Every structure is written in C-alpha cells, then in structure tokens.
N, C-alpha and C. Protein backbone atom coordinates (compact mmCIF):
# COMPACT_ATOMS: atom_id res chain seq x y z
N UNK A 1 103.50 94.33 120.06
CA UNK A 1 102.98 95.64 120.43
C UNK A 1 102.88 96.51 119.17
N UNK A 2 101.77 97.23 119.05
CA UNK A 2 101.56 98.09 117.89
C UNK A 2 102.28 99.41 118.04
N UNK A 3 102.87 99.89 116.93
CA UNK A 3 103.43 101.23 116.97
C UNK A 3 102.31 102.23 116.70
N UNK A 4 102.61 103.51 116.72
CA UNK A 4 101.58 104.55 116.59
C UNK A 4 100.84 104.47 115.25
N UNK A 5 101.56 104.20 114.17
CA UNK A 5 100.93 104.12 112.84
C UNK A 5 100.01 102.91 112.79
N UNK A 6 100.48 101.76 113.25
CA UNK A 6 99.65 100.56 113.25
C UNK A 6 98.42 100.75 114.11
N UNK A 7 98.59 101.41 115.24
CA UNK A 7 97.47 101.67 116.14
C UNK A 7 96.43 102.58 115.48
N UNK A 8 96.88 103.58 114.75
CA UNK A 8 95.97 104.48 114.05
C UNK A 8 95.23 103.73 112.95
N UNK A 9 95.95 102.90 112.19
CA UNK A 9 95.32 102.10 111.13
C UNK A 9 94.25 101.20 111.73
N UNK A 10 94.57 100.54 112.82
CA UNK A 10 93.61 99.64 113.45
C UNK A 10 92.41 100.42 113.96
N UNK A 11 92.63 101.59 114.51
CA UNK A 11 91.54 102.42 115.01
C UNK A 11 90.58 102.79 113.88
N UNK A 12 91.11 103.13 112.72
CA UNK A 12 90.27 103.47 111.57
C UNK A 12 89.43 102.26 111.16
N UNK A 13 90.07 101.12 111.07
CA UNK A 13 89.36 99.91 110.68
C UNK A 13 88.30 99.55 111.72
N UNK A 14 88.63 99.69 112.99
CA UNK A 14 87.66 99.41 114.04
C UNK A 14 86.43 100.31 113.90
N UNK A 15 86.64 101.58 113.62
CA UNK A 15 85.51 102.49 113.45
C UNK A 15 84.67 102.12 112.24
N UNK A 16 85.31 101.74 111.16
CA UNK A 16 84.57 101.30 109.97
C UNK A 16 83.74 100.06 110.30
N UNK A 17 84.37 99.09 110.95
CA UNK A 17 83.69 97.84 111.27
C UNK A 17 82.53 98.08 112.22
N UNK A 18 82.69 98.95 113.19
CA UNK A 18 81.61 99.24 114.14
C UNK A 18 80.38 99.81 113.42
N UNK A 19 80.58 100.41 112.26
CA UNK A 19 79.47 100.96 111.49
C UNK A 19 78.89 100.00 110.46
N UNK A 20 79.50 98.82 110.30
CA UNK A 20 79.03 97.89 109.27
C UNK A 20 77.60 97.43 109.50
N UNK A 21 77.21 97.25 110.74
CA UNK A 21 75.85 96.79 111.02
C UNK A 21 74.83 97.82 110.54
N UNK A 22 75.13 99.09 110.72
CA UNK A 22 74.24 100.15 110.28
C UNK A 22 74.16 100.19 108.76
N UNK A 23 75.32 100.06 108.11
CA UNK A 23 75.35 100.05 106.64
C UNK A 23 74.59 98.83 106.11
N UNK A 24 74.82 97.67 106.72
CA UNK A 24 74.12 96.45 106.29
C UNK A 24 72.61 96.61 106.45
N UNK A 25 72.18 97.20 107.55
CA UNK A 25 70.75 97.40 107.78
C UNK A 25 70.17 98.33 106.72
N UNK A 26 70.88 99.39 106.40
CA UNK A 26 70.39 100.34 105.38
C UNK A 26 70.28 99.64 104.02
N UNK A 27 71.25 98.80 103.69
CA UNK A 27 71.20 98.09 102.42
C UNK A 27 70.07 97.07 102.44
N UNK A 28 69.91 96.36 103.54
CA UNK A 28 68.83 95.37 103.65
C UNK A 28 67.46 96.01 103.48
N UNK A 29 67.32 97.26 103.89
CA UNK A 29 66.04 97.96 103.78
C UNK A 29 65.73 98.39 102.34
N UNK A 30 66.74 98.36 101.49
CA UNK A 30 66.55 98.73 100.08
C UNK A 30 66.09 97.51 99.29
N UNK A 31 65.47 97.73 98.15
CA UNK A 31 65.10 96.60 97.29
C UNK A 31 66.36 95.82 96.90
N UNK A 32 66.25 94.50 96.85
CA UNK A 32 67.40 93.64 96.56
C UNK A 32 68.10 94.03 95.26
N UNK A 33 67.33 94.44 94.27
CA UNK A 33 67.95 94.80 92.99
C UNK A 33 68.83 96.05 93.10
N UNK A 34 68.74 96.78 94.18
CA UNK A 34 69.57 97.97 94.38
C UNK A 34 70.77 97.72 95.29
N UNK A 35 70.90 96.51 95.79
CA UNK A 35 72.00 96.20 96.71
C UNK A 35 73.37 96.43 96.08
N UNK A 36 73.55 96.04 94.81
CA UNK A 36 74.87 96.18 94.18
C UNK A 36 75.26 97.65 94.05
N UNK A 37 74.28 98.48 93.75
CA UNK A 37 74.56 99.92 93.67
C UNK A 37 74.96 100.44 95.04
N UNK A 38 74.26 99.99 96.07
CA UNK A 38 74.57 100.42 97.44
C UNK A 38 75.94 99.91 97.87
N UNK A 39 76.27 98.67 97.52
CA UNK A 39 77.59 98.13 97.87
C UNK A 39 78.71 98.90 97.16
N UNK A 40 78.49 99.25 95.91
CA UNK A 40 79.49 100.03 95.18
C UNK A 40 79.66 101.42 95.80
N UNK A 41 78.55 102.03 96.18
CA UNK A 41 78.62 103.34 96.83
C UNK A 41 79.36 103.25 98.16
N UNK A 42 79.09 102.18 98.92
CA UNK A 42 79.78 101.99 100.20
C UNK A 42 81.28 101.81 99.98
N UNK A 43 81.63 100.99 98.99
CA UNK A 43 83.06 100.77 98.72
C UNK A 43 83.74 102.07 98.32
N UNK A 44 83.11 102.86 97.46
CA UNK A 44 83.69 104.15 97.06
C UNK A 44 83.84 105.09 98.25
N UNK A 45 82.87 105.06 99.15
CA UNK A 45 82.95 105.89 100.35
C UNK A 45 84.13 105.45 101.24
N UNK A 46 84.28 104.14 101.42
CA UNK A 46 85.41 103.64 102.21
C UNK A 46 86.73 104.01 101.55
N UNK A 47 86.82 103.87 100.23
CA UNK A 47 88.04 104.24 99.51
C UNK A 47 88.38 105.72 99.73
N UNK A 48 87.39 106.58 99.57
CA UNK A 48 87.62 108.01 99.74
C UNK A 48 88.07 108.33 101.17
N UNK A 49 87.42 107.69 102.13
CA UNK A 49 87.76 107.94 103.54
C UNK A 49 89.18 107.48 103.85
N UNK A 50 89.52 106.28 103.41
CA UNK A 50 90.86 105.75 103.68
C UNK A 50 91.93 106.60 103.02
N UNK A 51 91.70 107.01 101.78
CA UNK A 51 92.67 107.88 101.10
C UNK A 51 92.80 109.22 101.81
N UNK A 52 91.67 109.77 102.23
CA UNK A 52 91.69 111.06 102.93
C UNK A 52 92.45 110.97 104.25
N UNK A 53 92.47 109.78 104.84
CA UNK A 53 93.18 109.58 106.10
C UNK A 53 94.65 109.24 105.90
N UNK A 54 95.10 109.25 104.63
CA UNK A 54 96.51 109.06 104.35
C UNK A 54 96.94 107.66 103.97
N UNK A 55 95.99 106.75 103.82
CA UNK A 55 96.35 105.41 103.35
C UNK A 55 96.72 105.51 101.87
N UNK A 56 97.68 104.71 101.44
CA UNK A 56 98.05 104.68 100.03
C UNK A 56 96.89 104.12 99.22
N UNK A 57 96.96 104.30 97.89
CA UNK A 57 95.92 103.75 97.02
C UNK A 57 95.83 102.23 97.17
N UNK A 58 96.98 101.58 97.20
CA UNK A 58 97.00 100.12 97.32
C UNK A 58 96.39 99.69 98.65
N UNK A 59 96.79 100.33 99.72
CA UNK A 59 96.24 99.98 101.04
C UNK A 59 94.75 100.28 101.10
N UNK A 60 94.35 101.42 100.56
CA UNK A 60 92.93 101.79 100.55
C UNK A 60 92.10 100.77 99.81
N UNK A 61 92.59 100.34 98.64
CA UNK A 61 91.85 99.37 97.84
C UNK A 61 91.76 98.01 98.55
N UNK A 62 92.87 97.59 99.14
CA UNK A 62 92.87 96.30 99.84
C UNK A 62 91.94 96.33 101.05
N UNK A 63 92.01 97.40 101.81
CA UNK A 63 91.16 97.51 103.00
C UNK A 63 89.69 97.64 102.64
N UNK A 64 89.39 98.48 101.65
CA UNK A 64 87.99 98.65 101.24
C UNK A 64 87.42 97.33 100.72
N UNK A 65 88.21 96.61 99.93
CA UNK A 65 87.74 95.31 99.41
C UNK A 65 87.48 94.34 100.55
N UNK A 66 88.36 94.31 101.54
CA UNK A 66 88.18 93.42 102.69
C UNK A 66 86.92 93.80 103.48
N UNK A 67 86.70 95.09 103.65
CA UNK A 67 85.51 95.56 104.37
C UNK A 67 84.25 95.17 103.60
N UNK A 68 84.26 95.35 102.29
CA UNK A 68 83.08 95.02 101.49
C UNK A 68 82.82 93.51 101.52
N UNK A 69 83.87 92.69 101.53
CA UNK A 69 83.66 91.25 101.65
C UNK A 69 82.95 90.93 102.97
N UNK A 70 83.34 91.59 104.02
CA UNK A 70 82.70 91.37 105.33
C UNK A 70 81.26 91.90 105.32
N UNK A 71 81.04 93.03 104.64
CA UNK A 71 79.69 93.58 104.54
C UNK A 71 78.79 92.62 103.77
N UNK A 72 79.30 92.07 102.68
CA UNK A 72 78.53 91.08 101.92
C UNK A 72 78.22 89.87 102.79
N UNK A 73 79.17 89.49 103.62
CA UNK A 73 78.94 88.39 104.54
C UNK A 73 77.82 88.70 105.51
N UNK A 74 77.80 89.93 106.01
CA UNK A 74 76.72 90.36 106.90
C UNK A 74 75.38 90.25 106.19
N UNK A 75 75.34 90.69 104.95
CA UNK A 75 74.10 90.64 104.18
C UNK A 75 73.67 89.20 103.90
N UNK A 76 74.64 88.29 103.84
CA UNK A 76 74.34 86.89 103.60
C UNK A 76 73.99 86.14 104.88
N UNK A 77 74.05 86.83 106.00
CA UNK A 77 73.65 86.21 107.26
C UNK A 77 74.77 85.84 108.21
N UNK A 78 76.01 86.21 107.89
CA UNK A 78 77.10 85.96 108.82
C UNK A 78 76.78 86.60 110.16
N UNK A 79 77.07 85.90 111.22
CA UNK A 79 76.81 86.41 112.56
C UNK A 79 78.11 86.67 113.31
N UNK A 80 79.09 87.22 112.59
CA UNK A 80 80.38 87.49 113.21
C UNK A 80 80.31 88.71 114.11
N UNK A 81 81.07 88.68 115.18
CA UNK A 81 81.19 89.85 116.04
C UNK A 81 82.11 90.86 115.37
N UNK A 82 82.08 92.09 115.87
CA UNK A 82 82.98 93.12 115.33
C UNK A 82 84.44 92.68 115.44
N UNK A 83 84.80 92.10 116.57
CA UNK A 83 86.18 91.66 116.76
C UNK A 83 86.56 90.56 115.77
N UNK A 84 85.64 89.65 115.49
CA UNK A 84 85.91 88.59 114.50
C UNK A 84 86.08 89.19 113.11
N UNK A 85 85.27 90.18 112.79
CA UNK A 85 85.40 90.86 111.49
C UNK A 85 86.74 91.55 111.39
N UNK A 86 87.13 92.26 112.43
CA UNK A 86 88.42 92.95 112.44
C UNK A 86 89.55 91.94 112.26
N UNK A 87 89.48 90.82 112.96
CA UNK A 87 90.51 89.79 112.82
C UNK A 87 90.58 89.27 111.39
N UNK A 88 89.44 89.06 110.76
CA UNK A 88 89.41 88.57 109.38
C UNK A 88 90.01 89.60 108.42
N UNK A 89 89.68 90.87 108.63
CA UNK A 89 90.24 91.93 107.77
C UNK A 89 91.75 91.99 107.96
N UNK A 90 92.19 91.93 109.20
CA UNK A 90 93.64 91.95 109.47
C UNK A 90 94.32 90.78 108.77
N UNK A 91 93.72 89.60 108.84
CA UNK A 91 94.32 88.42 108.21
C UNK A 91 94.34 88.56 106.68
N UNK A 92 93.25 89.04 106.11
CA UNK A 92 93.19 89.20 104.65
C UNK A 92 94.21 90.21 104.16
N UNK A 93 94.25 91.36 104.81
CA UNK A 93 95.15 92.42 104.37
C UNK A 93 96.60 92.03 104.63
N UNK A 94 96.85 91.41 105.76
CA UNK A 94 98.21 90.96 106.08
C UNK A 94 98.70 89.92 105.11
N UNK A 95 97.80 89.08 104.62
CA UNK A 95 98.16 88.04 103.66
C UNK A 95 98.51 88.64 102.31
N UNK A 96 97.96 89.81 102.01
CA UNK A 96 98.24 90.45 100.73
C UNK A 96 99.62 91.09 100.69
N UNK A 97 99.97 91.74 101.79
CA UNK A 97 101.23 92.49 101.79
C UNK A 97 101.58 92.84 103.23
N UNK A 98 102.77 92.49 103.66
CA UNK A 98 103.18 92.79 105.02
C UNK A 98 103.13 94.28 105.32
N UNK A 99 103.34 95.12 104.31
CA UNK A 99 103.31 96.57 104.53
C UNK A 99 101.91 97.07 104.84
N UNK A 100 100.89 96.29 104.50
CA UNK A 100 99.51 96.69 104.78
C UNK A 100 99.02 96.10 106.08
N UNK A 101 99.77 95.20 106.66
CA UNK A 101 99.31 94.50 107.86
C UNK A 101 99.00 95.49 108.97
N UNK A 102 97.93 95.18 109.68
CA UNK A 102 97.51 96.01 110.81
C UNK A 102 97.97 95.38 112.09
C-alpha cells in the first residue's frame, strides 16, 4: 500500500505520462533535425516541474531521464500503454535508488 508521499509522487508521474502522447506528437510534427532541441526542452521542463513540486535534484534528474527515455521510445514507435510506461519508469527509478522508488 502506498503512503501519502508515494501516492503523490505516483500521481505526478501519471500526469506527466498521460501527456507524453501530446508531447511526442508535437515533436513528430517538427523537422527531424529539431527533435533533439525539443527533447532537451522537454527534459528541462520536466526537471523544473519536478523540482517545483518538491522532488530532490537527484529524484528530479532520475525521473526526468526515465520520462525522456520513454518519450524517445514513443518517437521510435513504441506502442506502450500509459500504464506500461508508468511501470517501466517505476522499475527504472526503483532500480536506481530505493529512496526514489514510487
């Protein structure tokens, strides 16, 4: 069972993941040579958001990197559901540090 902090962390990640399809579509609509700039901007936005919500720098960096990996997967044609993406992010972040586990 999740405690209140874990539940809040998961809620934030769920909201980010639910928006990944929109972000991926916006990037796909840009010229391919601009994708890296767009991915960097997205990662910086996720970092700022996570930090503003009280995540530590380490947690913010780990979560943003995991989200960007999933976003790159979407751009490469991954057909994962939102729940599968959330599970992968949870597994990646949990593998890095138990204190970051969702």
